[in-house]
Amino acid sequence: MSSSSNSNRSAWVQLYEARRISSEPEIRSVGRPPGIVPRHKVGMTLSQGEISEIEHWQERFSQLLERKVSAGETVGILTRICSSRFSRLEIEISGSELSDVVDKLIGPE
């Protein structure tokens, strides 16, 4: 990949790719080495439908990238996509009902 196409990628995409780069430490301490990009474990309560959607997207991303994509990466990628989509809309949606927000983000189903 050329350096010009590398500089055009989103910073968050580069962070995900940086996690995949393995580096050989000269002196290793006991235990798992720290990650290149700091990550934080979180807990959340999801419905079975939400879990199924995340698993579906996880499988899609894994097939597209031809590697195992974690659930955390999947949620992170989907969140970044949603944030990007939201910022492009340039509309006021505060105080709206959830259905109105969804309609504005993705259109009516």
PDB file of N, CA and C in Angstrom:
ATOM      1  N   MET A   1       0.853  -1.179   0.000  1.00  0.00           N
ATOM      2  CA  MET A   1       0.000   0.000   0.000  1.00  0.00           C
ATOM      3  C   MET A   1       0.890   1.231   0.000  1.00  0.00           C
ATOM      4  N   SER A   2       0.575   2.187  -0.827  1.00  0.00           N
ATOM      5  CA  SER A   2       1.418   3.373  -0.936  1.00  0.00           C
ATOM      6  C   SER A   2       1.212   4.306   0.245  1.00  0.00           C
ATOM      7  N   SER A   3       2.197   5.161   0.466  1.00  0.00           N
ATOM      8  CA  SER A   3       2.089   6.073   1.603  1.00  0.00           C
ATOM      9  C   SER A   3       1.001   7.110   1.386  1.00  0.00           C
ATOM     10  N   SER A   4       0.690   7.482   0.128  1.00  0.00           N
ATOM     11  CA  SER A   4      -0.371   8.468  -0.097  1.00  0.00           C
ATOM     12  C   SER A   4      -1.732   7.890   0.264  1.00  0.00           C
ATOM     13  N   SER A   5      -1.992   6.628  -0.065  1.00  0.00           N
ATOM     14  CA  SER A   5      -3.275   6.033   0.327  1.00  0.00           C
ATOM     15  C   SER A   5      -3.308   5.784   1.824  1.00  0.00           C
ATOM     16  N   ASN A   6      -2.158   5.558   2.429  1.00  0.00           N
ATOM     17  CA  ASN A   6      -2.069   5.346   3.868  1.00  0.00           C
ATOM     18  C   ASN A   6      -2.447   6.611   4.626  1.00  0.00           C
ATOM     19  N   SER A   7      -2.056   7.776   4.114  1.00  0.00           N
ATOM     20  CA  SER A   7      -2.342   9.029   4.812  1.00  0.00           C
ATOM     21  C   SER A   7      -3.801   9.452   4.644  1.00  0.00           C
ATOM     22  N   ASN A   8      -4.515   8.879   3.679  1.00  0.00           N
ATOM     23  CA  ASN A   8      -5.909   9.234   3.440  1.00  0.00           C
ATOM     24  C   ASN A   8      -6.875   8.431   4.310  1.00  0.00           C
ATOM     25  N   ARG A   9      -6.407   7.417   5.009  1.00  0.00           N
ATOM     26  CA  ARG A   9      -7.281   6.599   5.842  1.00  0.00           C
ATOM     27  C   ARG A   9      -7.640   7.332   7.124  1.00  0.00           C
ATOM     28  N   SER A  10      -8.800   7.006   7.657  1.00  0.00           N
ATOM     29  CA  SER A  10      -9.232   7.597   8.923  1.00  0.00           C
ATOM     30  C   SER A  10      -8.270   7.200  10.024  1.00  0.00           C
ATOM     31  N   ALA A  11      -8.081   8.101  10.965  1.00  0.00           N
ATOM     32  CA  ALA A  11      -7.170   7.832  12.080  1.00  0.00           C
ATOM     33  C   ALA A  11      -7.638   6.620  12.876  1.00  0.00           C
ATOM     34  N   TRP A  12      -8.955   6.465  13.074  1.00  0.00           N
ATOM     35  CA  TRP A  12      -9.433   5.337  13.871  1.00  0.00           C
ATOM     36  C   TRP A  12      -9.211   4.026  13.144  1.00  0.00           C
ATOM     37  N   VAL A  13      -9.237   4.021  11.802  1.00  0.00           N
ATOM     38  CA  VAL A  13      -8.934   2.796  11.049  1.00  0.00           C
ATOM     39  C   VAL A  13      -7.471   2.438  11.273  1.00  0.00           C
ATOM     40  N   GLN A  14      -6.609   3.438  11.260  1.00  0.00           N
ATOM     41  CA  GLN A  14      -5.188   3.194  11.485  1.00  0.00           C
ATOM     42  C   GLN A  14      -4.941   2.635  12.886  1.00  0.00           C
ATOM     43  N   LEU A  15      -5.730   3.092  13.881  1.00  0.00           N
ATOM     44  CA  LEU A  15      -5.578   2.569  15.234  1.00  0.00           C
ATOM     45  C   LEU A  15      -5.932   1.084  15.284  1.00  0.00           C
ATOM     46  N   TYR A  16      -7.026   0.694  14.618  1.00  0.00           N
ATOM     47  CA  TYR A  16      -7.392  -0.723  14.580  1.00  0.00           C
ATOM     48  C   TYR A  16      -6.310  -1.554  13.896  1.00  0.00           C
ATOM     49  N   GLU A  17      -5.753  -1.019  12.821  1.00  0.00           N
ATOM     50  CA  GLU A  17      -4.699  -1.740  12.122  1.00  0.00           C
ATOM     51  C   GLU A  17      -3.425  -1.799  12.953  1.00  0.00           C
ATOM     52  N   ALA A  18      -3.156  -0.772  13.742  1.00  0.00           N
ATOM     53  CA  ALA A  18      -1.958  -0.759  14.591  1.00  0.00           C
ATOM     54  C   ALA A  18      -2.015  -1.870  15.636  1.00  0.00           C
ATOM     55  N   ARG A  19      -3.215  -2.219  16.082  1.00  0.00           N
ATOM     56  CA  ARG A  19      -3.357  -3.300  17.059  1.00  0.00           C
ATOM     57  C   ARG A  19      -2.913  -4.633  16.478  1.00  0.00           C
ATOM     58  N   ARG A  20      -2.957  -4.766  15.156  1.00  0.00           N
ATOM     59  CA  ARG A  20      -2.619  -6.015  14.484  1.00  0.00           C
ATOM     60  C   ARG A  20      -1.114  -6.164  14.278  1.00  0.00           C
ATOM     61  N   ILE A  21      -0.358  -5.081  14.421  1.00  0.00           N
ATOM     62  CA  ILE A  21       1.085  -5.121  14.196  1.00  0.00           C
ATOM     63  C   ILE A  21       1.756  -5.724  15.414  1.00  0.00           C
ATOM     64  N   SER A  22       2.541  -6.739  15.161  1.00  0.00           N
ATOM     65  CA  SER A  22       3.251  -7.339  16.287  1.00  0.00           C
ATOM     66  C   SER A  22       4.659  -6.757  16.345  1.00  0.00           C
ATOM     67  N   SER A  23       5.091  -6.457  17.531  1.00  0.00           N
ATOM     68  CA  SER A  23       6.448  -5.958  17.713  1.00  0.00           C
ATOM     69  C   SER A  23       7.165  -6.895  18.667  1.00  0.00           C
ATOM     70  N   GLU A  24       8.418  -7.100  18.413  1.00  0.00           N
ATOM     71  CA  GLU A  24       9.226  -7.980  19.245  1.00  0.00           C
ATOM     72  C   GLU A  24       9.925  -7.163  20.326  1.00  0.00           C
ATOM     73  N   PRO A  25       9.467  -7.255  21.566  1.00  0.00           N
ATOM     74  CA  PRO A  25      10.161  -6.527  22.633  1.00  0.00           C
ATOM     75  C   PRO A  25      11.509  -7.173  22.928  1.00  0.00           C
ATOM     76  N   GLU A  26      12.459  -6.348  23.266  1.00  0.00           N
ATOM     77  CA  GLU A  26      13.789  -6.865  23.555  1.00  0.00           C
ATOM     78  C   GLU A  26      13.794  -7.644  24.857  1.00  0.00           C
ATOM     79  N   ILE A  27      13.199  -7.090  25.891  1.00  0.00           N
ATOM     80  CA  ILE A  27      13.131  -7.754  27.185  1.00  0.00           C
ATOM     81  C   ILE A  27      11.662  -7.830  27.567  1.00  0.00           C
ATOM     82  N   ARG A  28      11.180  -9.040  27.776  1.00  0.00           N
ATOM     83  CA  ARG A  28       9.773  -9.202  28.115  1.00  0.00           C
ATOM     84  C   ARG A  28       9.611  -9.425  29.600  1.00  0.00           C
ATOM     85  N   SER A  29       8.645  -8.720  30.155  1.00  0.00           N
ATOM     86  CA  SER A  29       8.308  -8.955  31.545  1.00  0.00           C
ATOM     87  C   SER A  29       7.312 -10.110  31.609  1.00  0.00           C
ATOM     88  N   VAL A  30       7.051 -10.586  32.797  1.00  0.00           N
ATOM     89  CA  VAL A  30       6.129 -11.686  32.983  1.00  0.00           C
ATOM     90  C   VAL A  30       4.714 -11.239  32.647  1.00  0.00           C
ATOM     91  N   GLY A  31       3.944 -12.093  32.016  1.00  0.00           N
ATOM     92  CA  GLY A  31       2.546 -11.792  31.704  1.00  0.00           C
ATOM     93  C   GLY A  31       2.357 -11.311  30.285  1.00  0.00           C
ATOM     94  N   ARG A  32       1.133 -10.968  30.003  1.00  0.00           N
ATOM     95  CA  ARG A  32       0.780 -10.506  28.666  1.00  0.00           C
ATOM     96  C   ARG A  32       1.362  -9.117  28.424  1.00  0.00           C
ATOM     97  N   PRO A  33       1.964  -8.910  27.243  1.00  0.00           N
ATOM     98  CA  PRO A  33       2.505  -7.576  26.947  1.00  0.00           C
ATOM     99  C   PRO A  33       1.376  -6.566  26.755  1.00  0.00           C
ATOM    100  N   PRO A  34       1.644  -5.309  27.076  1.00  0.00           N
ATOM    101  CA  PRO A  34       0.600  -4.289  26.899  1.00  0.00           C
ATOM    102  C   PRO A  34       0.299  -4.089  25.424  1.00  0.00           C
ATOM    103  N   GLY A  35      -0.940  -3.730  25.109  1.00  0.00           N
ATOM    104  CA  GLY A  35      -1.339  -3.475  23.733  1.00  0.00           C
ATOM    105  C   GLY A  35      -0.773  -2.154  23.245  1.00  0.00           C
ATOM    106  N   ILE A  36      -0.664  -2.031  21.933  1.00  0.00           N
ATOM    107  CA  ILE A  36      -0.167  -0.795  21.339  1.00  0.00           C
ATOM    108  C   ILE A  36      -1.166   0.330  21.581  1.00  0.00           C
ATOM    109  N   VAL A  37      -2.460   0.005  21.443  1.00  0.00           N
ATOM    110  CA  VAL A  37      -3.527   0.981  21.661  1.00  0.00           C
ATOM    111  C   VAL A  37      -4.238   0.602  22.951  1.00  0.00           C
ATOM    112  N   PRO A  38      -4.289   1.495  23.931  1.00  0.00           N
ATOM    113  CA  PRO A  38      -4.957   1.164  25.194  1.00  0.00           C
ATOM    114  C   PRO A  38      -6.429   0.828  24.971  1.00  0.00           C
ATOM    115  N   ARG A  39      -6.901  -0.232  25.596  1.00  0.00           N
ATOM    116  CA  ARG A  39      -8.289  -0.662  25.490  1.00  0.00           C
ATOM    117  C   ARG A  39      -8.839  -0.814  26.898  1.00  0.00           C
ATOM    118  N   HIS A  40     -10.151  -0.669  27.051  1.00  0.00           N
ATOM    119  CA  HIS A  40     -10.786  -0.775  28.357  1.00  0.00           C
ATOM    120  C   HIS A  40     -11.936  -1.768  28.279  1.00  0.00           C
ATOM    121  N   LYS A  41     -11.952  -2.699  29.205  1.00  0.00           N
ATOM    122  CA  LYS A  41     -13.029  -3.672  29.267  1.00  0.00           C
ATOM    123  C   LYS A  41     -14.262  -2.990  29.854  1.00  0.00           C
ATOM    124  N   VAL A  42     -15.405  -3.194  29.195  1.00  0.00           N
ATOM    125  CA  VAL A  42     -16.662  -2.635  29.666  1.00  0.00           C
ATOM    126  C   VAL A  42     -17.711  -3.733  29.713  1.00  0.00           C
ATOM    127  N   GLY A  43     -18.722  -3.509  30.503  1.00  0.00           N
ATOM    128  CA  GLY A  43     -19.836  -4.440  30.561  1.00  0.00           C
ATOM    129  C   GLY A  43     -21.103  -3.732  30.132  1.00  0.00           C
ATOM    130  N   MET A  44     -21.997  -4.465  29.500  1.00  0.00           N
ATOM    131  CA  MET A  44     -23.265  -3.877  29.096  1.00  0.00           C
ATOM    132  C   MET A  44     -24.311  -4.976  29.001  1.00  0.00           C
ATOM    133  N   THR A  45     -25.551  -4.576  29.075  1.00  0.00           N
ATOM    134  CA  THR A  45     -26.659  -5.505  28.971  1.00  0.00           C
ATOM    135  C   THR A  45     -27.302  -5.330  27.609  1.00  0.00           C
ATOM    136  N   LEU A  46     -27.358  -6.405  26.838  1.00  0.00           N
ATOM    137  CA  LEU A  46     -27.914  -6.362  25.494  1.00  0.00           C
ATOM    138  C   LEU A  46     -29.035  -7.375  25.354  1.00  0.00           C
ATOM    139  N   SER A  47     -29.987  -7.072  24.484  1.00  0.00           N
ATOM    140  CA  SER A  47     -31.049  -8.037  24.184  1.00  0.00           C
ATOM    141  C   SER A  47     -30.477  -9.100  23.249  1.00  0.00           C
ATOM    142  N   GLN A  48     -31.189 -10.194  23.090  1.00  0.00           N
ATOM    143  CA  GLN A  48     -30.731 -11.248  22.181  1.00  0.00           C
ATOM    144  C   GLN A  48     -30.660 -10.717  20.751  1.00  0.00           C
ATOM    145  N   GLY A  49     -31.607  -9.845  20.382  1.00  0.00           N
ATOM    146  CA  GLY A  49     -31.588  -9.249  19.044  1.00  0.00           C
ATOM    147  C   GLY A  49     -30.352  -8.395  18.811  1.00  0.00           C
ATOM    148  N   GLU A  50     -29.960  -7.622  19.821  1.00  0.00           N
ATOM    149  CA  GLU A  50     -28.766  -6.790  19.710  1.00  0.00           C
ATOM    150  C   GLU A  50     -27.502  -7.644  19.617  1.00  0.00           C
ATOM    151  N   ILE A  51     -27.458  -8.704  20.400  1.00  0.00           N
ATOM    152  CA  ILE A  51     -26.308  -9.623  20.348  1.00  0.00           C
ATOM    153  C   ILE A  51     -26.227 -10.263  18.965  1.00  0.00           C
ATOM    154  N   SER A  52     -27.366 -10.668  18.437  1.00  0.00           N
ATOM    155  CA  SER A  52     -27.395 -11.282  17.104  1.00  0.00           C
ATOM    156  C   SER A  52     -26.895 -10.319  16.038  1.00  0.00           C
ATOM    157  N   GLU A  53     -27.290  -9.054  16.136  1.00  0.00           N
ATOM    158  CA  GLU A  53     -26.831  -8.047  15.174  1.00  0.00           C
ATOM    159  C   GLU A  53     -25.322  -7.858  15.254  1.00  0.00           C
ATOM    160  N   ILE A  54     -24.797  -7.772  16.473  1.00  0.00           N
ATOM    161  CA  ILE A  54     -23.342  -7.611  16.636  1.00  0.00           C
ATOM    162  C   ILE A  54     -22.621  -8.832  16.070  1.00  0.00           C
ATOM    163  N   GLU A  55     -23.124 -10.028  16.366  1.00  0.00           N
ATOM    164  CA  GLU A  55     -22.504 -11.249  15.845  1.00  0.00           C
ATOM    165  C   GLU A  55     -22.569 -11.300  14.321  1.00  0.00           C
ATOM    166  N   HIS A  56     -23.686 -10.848  13.768  1.00  0.00           N
ATOM    167  CA  HIS A  56     -23.841 -10.812  12.308  1.00  0.00           C
ATOM    168  C   HIS A  56     -22.792  -9.894  11.686  1.00  0.00           C
ATOM    169  N   TRP A  57     -22.638  -8.682  12.240  1.00  0.00           N
ATOM    170  CA  TRP A  57     -21.654  -7.735  11.728  1.00  0.00           C
ATOM    171  C   TRP A  57     -20.227  -8.219  11.982  1.00  0.00           C
ATOM    172  N   GLN A  58     -20.016  -8.873  13.106  1.00  0.00           N
ATOM    173  CA  GLN A  58     -18.690  -9.424  13.407  1.00  0.00           C
ATOM    174  C   GLN A  58     -18.302 -10.437  12.336  1.00  0.00           C
ATOM    175  N   GLU A  59     -19.231 -11.298  11.964  1.00  0.00           N
ATOM    176  CA  GLU A  59     -18.971 -12.290  10.923  1.00  0.00           C
ATOM    177  C   GLU A  59     -18.738 -11.615   9.570  1.00  0.00           C
ATOM    178  N   ARG A  60     -19.540 -10.597   9.262  1.00  0.00           N
ATOM    179  CA  ARG A  60     -19.365  -9.862   8.003  1.00  0.00           C
ATOM    180  C   ARG A  60     -17.991  -9.218   7.916  1.00  0.00           C
ATOM    181  N   PHE A  61     -17.601  -8.507   8.982  1.00  0.00           N
ATOM    182  CA  PHE A  61     -16.286  -7.859   8.985  1.00  0.00           C
ATOM    183  C   PHE A  61     -15.164  -8.899   8.914  1.00  0.00           C
ATOM    184  N   SER A  62     -15.330 -10.022   9.597  1.00  0.00           N
ATOM    185  CA  SER A  62     -14.316 -11.082   9.562  1.00  0.00           C
ATOM    186  C   SER A  62     -14.152 -11.619   8.144  1.00  0.00           C
ATOM    187  N   GLN A  63     -15.258 -11.811   7.443  1.00  0.00           N
ATOM    188  CA  GLN A  63     -15.180 -12.293   6.060  1.00  0.00           C
ATOM    189  C   GLN A  63     -14.552 -11.243   5.153  1.00  0.00           C
ATOM    190  N   LEU A  64     -14.966  -9.986   5.310  1.00  0.00           N
ATOM    191  CA  LEU A  64     -14.425  -8.918   4.470  1.00  0.00           C
ATOM    192  C   LEU A  64     -12.922  -8.741   4.666  1.00  0.00           C
ATOM    193  N   LEU A  65     -12.481  -8.823   5.918  1.00  0.00           N
ATOM    194  CA  LEU A  65     -11.075  -8.581   6.241  1.00  0.00           C
ATOM    195  C   LEU A  65     -10.233  -9.846   6.215  1.00  0.00           C
ATOM    196  N   GLU A  66     -10.902 -11.003   6.045  1.00  0.00           N
ATOM    197  CA  GLU A  66     -10.227 -12.297   6.006  1.00  0.00           C
ATOM    198  C   GLU A  66      -9.374 -12.546   7.246  1.00  0.00           C
ATOM    199  N   ARG A  67      -9.928 -12.178   8.389  1.00  0.00           N
ATOM    200  CA  ARG A  67      -9.312 -12.447   9.693  1.00  0.00           C
ATOM    201  C   ARG A  67     -10.400 -12.380  10.750  1.00  0.00           C
ATOM    202  N   LYS A  68     -10.116 -12.875  11.927  1.00  0.00           N
ATOM    203  CA  LYS A  68     -11.078 -12.831  13.028  1.00  0.00           C
ATOM    204  C   LYS A  68     -11.172 -11.402  13.542  1.00  0.00           C
ATOM    205  N   VAL A  69     -12.381 -10.876  13.576  1.00  0.00           N
ATOM    206  CA  VAL A  69     -12.639  -9.545  14.114  1.00  0.00           C
ATOM    207  C   VAL A  69     -13.355  -9.740  15.443  1.00  0.00           C
ATOM    208  N   SER A  70     -12.867  -9.104  16.490  1.00  0.00           N
ATOM    209  CA  SER A  70     -13.454  -9.276  17.815  1.00  0.00           C
ATOM    210  C   SER A  70     -14.773  -8.517  17.927  1.00  0.00           C
ATOM    211  N   ALA A  71     -15.558  -8.876  18.931  1.00  0.00           N
ATOM    212  CA  ALA A  71     -16.814  -8.166  19.193  1.00  0.00           C
ATOM    213  C   ALA A  71     -16.525  -6.706  19.535  1.00  0.00           C
ATOM    214  N   GLY A  72     -15.459  -6.450  20.280  1.00  0.00           N
ATOM    215  CA  GLY A  72     -15.090  -5.077  20.626  1.00  0.00           C
ATOM    216  C   GLY A  72     -14.737  -4.250  19.395  1.00  0.00           C
ATOM    217  N   GLU A  73     -13.962  -4.857  18.473  1.00  0.00           N
ATOM    218  CA  GLU A  73     -13.648  -4.159  17.224  1.00  0.00           C
ATOM    219  C   GLU A  73     -14.920  -3.882  16.434  1.00  0.00           C
ATOM    220  N   THR A  74     -15.817  -4.858  16.408  1.00  0.00           N
ATOM    221  CA  THR A  74     -17.071  -4.713  15.668  1.00  0.00           C
ATOM    222  C   THR A  74     -17.885  -3.547  16.203  1.00  0.00           C
ATOM    223  N   VAL A  75     -18.062  -3.489  17.507  1.00  0.00           N
ATOM    224  CA  VAL A  75     -18.811  -2.391  18.121  1.00  0.00           C
ATOM    225  C   VAL A  75     -18.103  -1.066  17.850  1.00  0.00           C
ATOM    226  N   GLY A  76     -16.780  -1.051  17.963  1.00  0.00           N
ATOM    227  CA  GLY A  76     -16.015   0.165  17.704  1.00  0.00           C
ATOM    228  C   GLY A  76     -16.161   0.646  16.273  1.00  0.00           C
ATOM    229  N   ILE A  77     -16.081  -0.275  15.310  1.00  0.00           N
ATOM    230  CA  ILE A  77     -16.219   0.087  13.897  1.00  0.00           C
ATOM    231  C   ILE A  77     -17.619   0.627  13.626  1.00  0.00           C
ATOM    232  N   LEU A  78     -18.638  -0.078  14.124  1.00  0.00           N
ATOM    233  CA  LEU A  78     -20.018   0.368  13.905  1.00  0.00           C
ATOM    234  C   LEU A  78     -20.271   1.731  14.547  1.00  0.00           C
ATOM    235  N   THR A  79     -19.697   1.952  15.713  1.00  0.00           N
ATOM    236  CA  THR A  79     -19.845   3.238  16.392  1.00  0.00           C
ATOM    237  C   THR A  79     -19.213   4.359  15.584  1.00  0.00           C
ATOM    238  N   ARG A  80     -18.024   4.112  15.060  1.00  0.00           N
ATOM    239  CA  ARG A  80     -17.343   5.129  14.254  1.00  0.00           C
ATOM    240  C   ARG A  80     -18.104   5.417  12.960  1.00  0.00           C
ATOM    241  N   ILE A  81     -18.652   4.374  12.343  1.00  0.00           N
ATOM    242  CA  ILE A  81     -19.448   4.567  11.130  1.00  0.00           C
ATOM    243  C   ILE A  81     -20.675   5.429  11.443  1.00  0.00           C
ATOM    244  N   CYS A  82     -21.342   5.122  12.542  1.00  0.00           N
ATOM    245  CA  CYS A  82     -22.524   5.881  12.944  1.00  0.00           C
ATOM    246  C   CYS A  82     -22.156   7.340  13.246  1.00  0.00           C
ATOM    247  N   SER A  83     -21.058   7.551  13.934  1.00  0.00           N
ATOM    248  CA  SER A  83     -20.618   8.916  14.242  1.00  0.00           C
ATOM    249  C   SER A  83     -20.325   9.700  12.970  1.00  0.00           C
ATOM    250  N   SER A  84     -19.684   9.052  12.025  1.00  0.00           N
ATOM    251  CA  SER A  84     -19.378   9.702  10.753  1.00  0.00           C
ATOM    252  C   SER A  84     -20.659  10.042  10.004  1.00  0.00           C
ATOM    253  N   ARG A  85     -21.590   9.115   9.978  1.00  0.00           N
ATOM    254  CA  ARG A  85     -22.879   9.341   9.300  1.00  0.00           C
ATOM    255  C   ARG A  85     -23.626  10.504   9.966  1.00  0.00           C
ATOM    256  N   PHE A  86     -23.644  10.510  11.267  1.00  0.00           N
ATOM    257  CA  PHE A  86     -24.330  11.563  12.026  1.00  0.00           C
ATOM    258  C   PHE A  86     -23.732  12.937  11.731  1.00  0.00           C
ATOM    259  N   SER A  87     -22.405  13.019  11.698  1.00  0.00           N
ATOM    260  CA  SER A  87     -21.752  14.310  11.468  1.00  0.00           C
ATOM    261  C   SER A  87     -22.010  14.835  10.061  1.00  0.00           C
ATOM    262  N   ARG A  88     -22.256  13.948   9.102  1.00  0.00           N
ATOM    263  CA  ARG A  88     -22.540  14.376   7.729  1.00  0.00           C
ATOM    264  C   ARG A  88     -23.954  14.920   7.567  1.00  0.00           C
ATOM    265  N   LEU A  89     -24.858  14.562   8.462  1.00  0.00           N
ATOM    266  CA  LEU A  89     -26.245  14.967   8.308  1.00  0.00           C
ATOM    267  C   LEU A  89     -26.458  16.462   8.520  1.00  0.00           C
ATOM    268  N   GLU A  90     -25.713  17.034   9.464  1.00  0.00           N
ATOM    269  CA  GLU A  90     -25.807  18.460   9.766  1.00  0.00           C
ATOM    270  C   GLU A  90     -27.250  18.895   9.989  1.00  0.00           C
ATOM    271  N   ILE A  91     -27.986  18.116  10.774  1.00  0.00           N
ATOM    272  CA  ILE A  91     -29.366  18.460  11.105  1.00  0.00           C
ATOM    273  C   ILE A  91     -29.523  18.473  12.615  1.00  0.00           C
ATOM    274  N   GLU A  92     -30.522  19.156  13.073  1.00  0.00           N
ATOM    275  CA  GLU A  92     -30.817  19.221  14.511  1.00  0.00           C
ATOM    276  C   GLU A  92     -31.804  18.117  14.848  1.00  0.00           C
ATOM    277  N   ILE A  93     -31.412  17.206  15.734  1.00  0.00           N
ATOM    278  CA  ILE A  93     -32.322  16.124  16.112  1.00  0.00           C
ATOM    279  C   ILE A  93     -32.511  16.041  17.620  1.00  0.00           C
ATOM    280  N   SER A  94     -31.985  16.990  18.367  1.00  0.00           N
ATOM    281  CA  SER A  94     -32.141  16.925  19.816  1.00  0.00           C
ATOM    282  C   SER A  94     -33.612  17.046  20.182  1.00  0.00           C
ATOM    283  N   GLY A  95     -34.012  16.339  21.202  1.00  0.00           N
ATOM    284  CA  GLY A  95     -35.392  16.357  21.662  1.00  0.00           C
ATOM    285  C   GLY A  95     -36.326  15.518  20.809  1.00  0.00           C
ATOM    286  N   SER A  96     -35.772  14.751  19.874  1.00  0.00           N
ATOM    287  CA  SER A  96     -36.586  13.918  18.997  1.00  0.00           C
ATOM    288  C   SER A  96     -36.857  12.566  19.643  1.00  0.00           C
ATOM    289  N   GLU A  97     -37.870  11.895  19.149  1.00  0.00           N
ATOM    290  CA  GLU A  97     -38.138  10.522  19.545  1.00  0.00           C
ATOM    291  C   GLU A  97     -37.118   9.613  18.862  1.00  0.00           C
ATOM    292  N   LEU A  98     -36.881   8.432  19.423  1.00  0.00           N
ATOM    293  CA  LEU A  98     -35.915   7.501  18.852  1.00  0.00           C
ATOM    294  C   LEU A  98     -36.246   7.188  17.396  1.00  0.00           C
ATOM    295  N   SER A  99     -37.514   6.965  17.092  1.00  0.00           N
ATOM    296  CA  SER A  99     -37.889   6.637  15.717  1.00  0.00           C
ATOM    297  C   SER A  99     -37.535   7.783  14.757  1.00  0.00           C
ATOM    298  N   ASP A 100     -37.684   9.023  15.218  1.00  0.00           N
ATOM    299  CA  ASP A 100     -37.322  10.176  14.379  1.00  0.00           C
ATOM    300  C   ASP A 100     -35.816  10.224  14.130  1.00  0.00           C
ATOM    301  N   VAL A 101     -35.045   9.961  15.181  1.00  0.00           N
ATOM    302  CA  VAL A 101     -33.584   9.961  15.057  1.00  0.00           C
ATOM    303  C   VAL A 101     -33.150   8.884  14.073  1.00  0.00           C
ATOM    304  N   VAL A 102     -33.701   7.684  14.210  1.00  0.00           N
ATOM    305  CA  VAL A 102     -33.345   6.581  13.316  1.00  0.00           C
ATOM    306  C   VAL A 102     -33.733   6.914  11.879  1.00  0.00           C
ATOM    307  N   ASP A 103     -34.928   7.451  11.696  1.00  0.00           N
ATOM    308  CA  ASP A 103     -35.362   7.836  10.343  1.00  0.00           C
ATOM    309  C   ASP A 103     -34.413   8.837   9.709  1.00  0.00           C
ATOM    310  N   LYS A 104     -33.927   9.783  10.495  1.00  0.00           N
ATOM    311  CA  LYS A 104     -33.007  10.793   9.966  1.00  0.00           C
ATOM    312  C   LYS A 104     -31.632  10.206   9.674  1.00  0.00           C
ATOM    313  N   LEU A 105     -31.203   9.224  10.486  1.00  0.00           N
ATOM    314  CA  LEU A 105     -29.890   8.609  10.270  1.00  0.00           C
ATOM    315  C   LEU A 105     -29.883   7.619   9.112  1.00  0.00           C
ATOM    316  N   ILE A 106     -30.900   6.772   9.041  1.00  0.00           N
ATOM    317  CA  ILE A 106     -30.870   5.719   8.020  1.00  0.00           C
ATOM    318  C   ILE A 106     -32.044   5.759   7.066  1.00  0.00           C
ATOM    319  N   GLY A 107     -33.024   6.592   7.345  1.00  0.00           N
ATOM    320  CA  GLY A 107     -34.207   6.641   6.506  1.00  0.00           C
ATOM    321  C   GLY A 107     -35.241   5.639   6.998  1.00  0.00           C
ATOM    322  N   PRO A 108     -36.500   5.827   6.611  1.00  0.00           N
ATOM    323  CA  PRO A 108     -37.534   4.893   7.052  1.00  0.00           C
ATOM    324  C   PRO A 108     -37.321   3.516   6.438  1.00  0.00           C
ATOM    325  N   GLU A 109     -37.665   2.478   7.181  1.00  0.00           N
ATOM    326  CA  GLU A 109     -37.490   1.111   6.663  1.00  0.00           C
ATOM    327  C   GLU A 109     -38.666   0.710   5.833  1.00  0.00           C
TER     328      GLU A 109
END
